[in-house]
Amino acid sequence: MNIRRILQRVILAGIIVASIYFGFQNLRAAIAVGNLKDDPVTAWEVRFQPVKKLLPFKRGAIGFLQNSDVLGTVSDNNEQGEYTLTQYAMSPIILVRGDNQEWTLAEFNSSVYQTWSQSNHGQFRVIPLKYNLYLLHRLTP
């Protein structure tokens, strides 16, 4: 064997050993921090599974309301970020801002829900869920 082949094999072996070592270190760090168990995106998806099960279809569009969509209320949450995560979690269901669809998903705190409920009395069948979620089914076309 010539020197060039030996050098190539030594370098290749070094790259493989370094890859295994650093991969193991990354795995240990992720376990120590808890990234493998407490993934926030996965937790967000789990939050919306009951909504997807209750819908009478697997693909289509539903409305989406948040606290700031109710007149006279203000939200301090990152609603745009939550809307984006919710679109991802509800896929392949498409979220359309507003309540113009037959089905609407609402994410309201309790005081905003009370305000919304008073101004929309009798227009929707409300299915309350965990995590301040409400599935609304429009009763009138």
C-alpha atoms as a PDB file:
ATOM      1  CA  MET A   1       0.000   0.000   0.000  1.00  0.00           C
ATOM      2  CA  ASN A   2       1.173   3.427  -0.681  1.00  0.00           C
ATOM      3  CA  ILE A   3       1.285   6.292   1.800  1.00  0.00           C
ATOM      4  CA  ARG A   4      -1.616   8.118   0.163  1.00  0.00           C
ATOM      5  CA  ARG A   5      -4.073   5.219   0.748  1.00  0.00           C
ATOM      6  CA  ILE A   6      -2.957   4.816   4.345  1.00  0.00           C
ATOM      7  CA  LEU A   7      -3.425   8.538   4.973  1.00  0.00           C
ATOM      8  CA  GLN A   8      -6.929   8.446   3.395  1.00  0.00           C
ATOM      9  CA  ARG A   9      -7.965   5.557   5.624  1.00  0.00           C
ATOM     10  CA  VAL A  10      -6.612   7.223   8.756  1.00  0.00           C
ATOM     11  CA  ILE A  11      -8.465  10.439   7.961  1.00  0.00           C
ATOM     12  CA  LEU A  12     -11.686   8.525   7.192  1.00  0.00           C
ATOM     13  CA  ALA A  13     -11.392   6.578  10.455  1.00  0.00           C
ATOM     14  CA  GLY A  14     -10.846   9.862  12.324  1.00  0.00           C
ATOM     15  CA  ILE A  15     -13.975  11.386  10.783  1.00  0.00           C
ATOM     16  CA  ILE A  16     -16.045   8.315  11.714  1.00  0.00           C
ATOM     17  CA  VAL A  17     -14.762   8.267  15.312  1.00  0.00           C
ATOM     18  CA  ALA A  18     -15.355  12.033  15.686  1.00  0.00           C
ATOM     19  CA  SER A  19     -18.896  11.723  14.274  1.00  0.00           C
ATOM     20  CA  ILE A  20     -19.769   8.935  16.688  1.00  0.00           C
ATOM     21  CA  TYR A  21     -18.255  10.812  19.635  1.00  0.00           C
ATOM     22  CA  PHE A  22     -20.027  14.126  18.923  1.00  0.00           C
ATOM     23  CA  GLY A  23     -23.312  12.365  18.137  1.00  0.00           C
ATOM     24  CA  PHE A  24     -23.159  10.648  21.510  1.00  0.00           C
ATOM     25  CA  GLN A  25     -22.357  13.962  23.233  1.00  0.00           C
ATOM     26  CA  ASN A  26     -25.348  15.640  21.565  1.00  0.00           C
ATOM     27  CA  LEU A  27     -27.631  12.795  22.639  1.00  0.00           C
ATOM     28  CA  ARG A  28     -26.430  13.071  26.245  1.00  0.00           C
ATOM     29  CA  ALA A  29     -26.963  16.836  26.232  1.00  0.00           C
ATOM     30  CA  ALA A  30     -30.483  16.500  24.803  1.00  0.00           C
ATOM     31  CA  ILE A  31     -31.426  13.921  27.433  1.00  0.00           C
ATOM     32  CA  ALA A  32     -29.984  16.080  30.227  1.00  0.00           C
ATOM     33  CA  VAL A  33     -31.972  19.134  29.109  1.00  0.00           C
ATOM     34  CA  GLY A  34     -35.114  17.090  28.530  1.00  0.00           C
ATOM     35  CA  ASN A  35     -35.499  17.926  24.847  1.00  0.00           C
ATOM     36  CA  LEU A  36     -36.493  14.374  23.966  1.00  0.00           C
ATOM     37  CA  LYS A  37     -39.429  14.241  26.395  1.00  0.00           C
ATOM     38  CA  ASP A  38     -40.744  17.802  26.501  1.00  0.00           C
ATOM     39  CA  ASP A  39     -40.783  18.794  22.860  1.00  0.00           C
ATOM     40  CA  PRO A  40     -43.094  21.857  22.749  1.00  0.00           C
ATOM     41  CA  VAL A  41     -44.212  21.275  19.155  1.00  0.00           C
ATOM     42  CA  THR A  42     -45.250  17.707  19.944  1.00  0.00           C
ATOM     43  CA  ALA A  43     -47.076  18.924  23.053  1.00  0.00           C
ATOM     44  CA  TRP A  44     -48.891  21.513  20.906  1.00  0.00           C
ATOM     45  CA  GLU A  45     -49.943  18.793  18.439  1.00  0.00           C
ATOM     46  CA  VAL A  46     -51.271  16.610  21.273  1.00  0.00           C
ATOM     47  CA  ARG A  47     -53.315  19.575  22.510  1.00  0.00           C
ATOM     48  CA  PHE A  48     -55.288  19.670  19.247  1.00  0.00           C
ATOM     49  CA  GLN A  49     -55.834  15.932  18.675  1.00  0.00           C
ATOM     50  CA  PRO A  50     -59.288  15.961  20.376  1.00  0.00           C
ATOM     51  CA  VAL A  51     -60.405  18.750  18.035  1.00  0.00           C
ATOM     52  CA  LYS A  52     -59.381  16.767  14.964  1.00  0.00           C
ATOM     53  CA  LYS A  53     -61.237  13.692  16.267  1.00  0.00           C
ATOM     54  CA  LEU A  54     -64.460  15.646  16.805  1.00  0.00           C
ATOM     55  CA  LEU A  55     -64.585  17.150  13.313  1.00  0.00           C
ATOM     56  CA  PRO A  56     -66.795  15.216  10.869  1.00  0.00           C
ATOM     57  CA  PHE A  57     -64.111  15.418   8.165  1.00  0.00           C
ATOM     58  CA  LYS A  58     -60.365  14.841   7.926  1.00  0.00           C
ATOM     59  CA  ARG A  59     -59.632  17.480   5.269  1.00  0.00           C
ATOM     60  CA  GLY A  60     -61.230  20.848   4.733  1.00  0.00           C
ATOM     61  CA  ALA A  61     -61.382  24.319   6.228  1.00  0.00           C
ATOM     62  CA  ILE A  62     -62.566  25.527   9.609  1.00  0.00           C
ATOM     63  CA  GLY A  63     -62.695  28.967  11.156  1.00  0.00           C
ATOM     64  CA  PHE A  64     -60.289  30.063  13.862  1.00  0.00           C
ATOM     65  CA  LEU A  65     -60.805  32.650  16.590  1.00  0.00           C
ATOM     66  CA  GLN A  66     -58.525  33.905  19.354  1.00  0.00           C
ATOM     67  CA  ASN A  67     -58.946  36.359  22.217  1.00  0.00           C
ATOM     68  CA  SER A  68     -58.074  39.414  20.115  1.00  0.00           C
ATOM     69  CA  ASP A  69     -60.793  38.520  17.573  1.00  0.00           C
ATOM     70  CA  VAL A  70     -63.533  39.359  20.094  1.00  0.00           C
ATOM     71  CA  LEU A  71     -64.473  43.039  20.177  1.00  0.00           C
ATOM     72  CA  GLY A  72     -63.527  44.798  23.361  1.00  0.00           C
ATOM     73  CA  THR A  73     -60.859  42.304  24.387  1.00  0.00           C
ATOM     74  CA  VAL A  74     -57.099  42.426  24.274  1.00  0.00           C
ATOM     75  CA  SER A  75     -54.635  39.560  24.429  1.00  0.00           C
ATOM     76  CA  ASP A  76     -51.106  39.595  25.761  1.00  0.00           C
ATOM     77  CA  ASN A  77     -50.218  36.243  24.183  1.00  0.00           C
ATOM     78  CA  ASN A  78     -48.179  35.752  21.048  1.00  0.00           C
ATOM     79  CA  GLU A  79     -51.303  35.003  19.039  1.00  0.00           C
ATOM     80  CA  GLN A  80     -49.608  35.074  15.636  1.00  0.00           C
ATOM     81  CA  GLY A  81     -47.092  32.470  16.805  1.00  0.00           C
ATOM     82  CA  GLU A  82     -49.857  30.352  18.324  1.00  0.00           C
ATOM     83  CA  TYR A  83     -51.875  30.641  15.105  1.00  0.00           C
ATOM     84  CA  THR A  84     -48.896  29.375  13.100  1.00  0.00           C
ATOM     85  CA  LEU A  85     -48.332  26.440  15.476  1.00  0.00           C
ATOM     86  CA  THR A  86     -52.035  25.625  15.423  1.00  0.00           C
ATOM     87  CA  GLN A  87     -52.079  25.587  11.604  1.00  0.00           C
ATOM     88  CA  TYR A  88     -49.237  23.085  11.731  1.00  0.00           C
ATOM     89  CA  ALA A  89     -50.916  20.960  14.420  1.00  0.00           C
ATOM     90  CA  MET A  90     -54.302  20.891  12.650  1.00  0.00           C
ATOM     91  CA  SER A  91     -52.913  19.978   9.231  1.00  0.00           C
ATOM     92  CA  PRO A  92     -54.413  18.826   6.819  1.00  0.00           C
ATOM     93  CA  ILE A  93     -57.320  20.881   8.203  1.00  0.00           C
ATOM     94  CA  ILE A  94     -56.967  24.477   7.013  1.00  0.00           C
ATOM     95  CA  LEU A  95     -57.567  27.302   9.494  1.00  0.00           C
ATOM     96  CA  VAL A  96     -59.310  30.427   8.197  1.00  0.00           C
ATOM     97  CA  ARG A  97     -59.384  33.466  10.470  1.00  0.00           C
ATOM     98  CA  GLY A  98     -62.927  34.307  11.570  1.00  0.00           C
ATOM     99  CA  ASP A  99     -66.094  32.294  12.189  1.00  0.00           C
ATOM    100  CA  ASN A 100     -67.551  32.194   8.672  1.00  0.00           C
ATOM    101  CA  GLN A 101     -67.107  28.416   8.315  1.00  0.00           C
ATOM    102  CA  GLU A 102     -69.555  25.755   9.491  1.00  0.00           C
ATOM    103  CA  TRP A 103     -67.007  24.661  12.111  1.00  0.00           C
ATOM    104  CA  THR A 104     -64.775  27.041  14.057  1.00  0.00           C
ATOM    105  CA  LEU A 105     -62.006  26.429  16.550  1.00  0.00           C
ATOM    106  CA  ALA A 106     -61.839  29.095  19.249  1.00  0.00           C
ATOM    107  CA  GLU A 107     -59.001  29.599  21.684  1.00  0.00           C
ATOM    108  CA  PHE A 108     -60.455  31.887  24.376  1.00  0.00           C
ATOM    109  CA  ASN A 109     -59.657  32.492  28.001  1.00  0.00           C
ATOM    110  CA  SER A 110     -62.719  32.270  30.247  1.00  0.00           C
ATOM    111  CA  SER A 111     -63.566  35.987  30.354  1.00  0.00           C
ATOM    112  CA  VAL A 112     -63.259  36.349  26.566  1.00  0.00           C
ATOM    113  CA  TYR A 113     -65.438  33.257  26.109  1.00  0.00           C
ATOM    114  CA  GLN A 114     -68.123  34.848  28.293  1.00  0.00           C
ATOM    115  CA  THR A 115     -68.012  38.040  26.204  1.00  0.00           C
ATOM    116  CA  TRP A 116     -68.122  36.086  22.937  1.00  0.00           C
ATOM    117  CA  SER A 117     -70.923  33.820  24.195  1.00  0.00           C
ATOM    118  CA  GLN A 118     -73.164  36.756  25.100  1.00  0.00           C
ATOM    119  CA  SER A 119     -72.883  38.313  21.649  1.00  0.00           C
ATOM    120  CA  ASN A 120     -73.278  34.986  19.765  1.00  0.00           C
ATOM    121  CA  HIS A 121     -75.974  33.319  21.853  1.00  0.00           C
ATOM    122  CA  GLY A 122     -77.915  30.685  19.895  1.00  0.00           C
ATOM    123  CA  GLN A 123     -75.775  30.865  16.768  1.00  0.00           C
ATOM    124  CA  PHE A 124     -73.396  28.016  17.618  1.00  0.00           C
ATOM    125  CA  ARG A 125     -73.366  24.692  19.385  1.00  0.00           C
ATOM    126  CA  VAL A 126     -70.329  24.943  21.677  1.00  0.00           C
ATOM    127  CA  ILE A 127     -68.152  21.952  22.544  1.00  0.00           C
ATOM    128  CA  PRO A 128     -65.797  22.990  25.361  1.00  0.00           C
ATOM    129  CA  LEU A 129     -62.423  21.234  25.433  1.00  0.00           C
ATOM    130  CA  LYS A 130     -59.287  21.389  27.570  1.00  0.00           C
ATOM    131  CA  TYR A 131     -56.697  24.160  27.301  1.00  0.00           C
ATOM    132  CA  ASN A 132     -59.206  26.987  26.697  1.00  0.00           C
ATOM    133  CA  LEU A 133     -60.300  25.468  23.395  1.00  0.00           C
ATOM    134  CA  TYR A 134     -63.862  25.505  22.094  1.00  0.00           C
ATOM    135  CA  LEU A 135     -65.159  23.774  19.000  1.00  0.00           C
ATOM    136  CA  LEU A 136     -68.052  25.779  17.566  1.00  0.00           C
ATOM    137  CA  HIS A 137     -70.617  24.341  15.162  1.00  0.00           C
ATOM    138  CA  ARG A 138     -72.718  26.961  13.407  1.00  0.00           C
ATOM    139  CA  LEU A 139     -76.453  26.276  13.863  1.00  0.00           C
ATOM    140  CA  THR A 140     -77.719  28.787  11.330  1.00  0.00           C
ATOM    141  CA  PRO A 141     -76.448  28.852   7.734  1.00  0.00           C
END
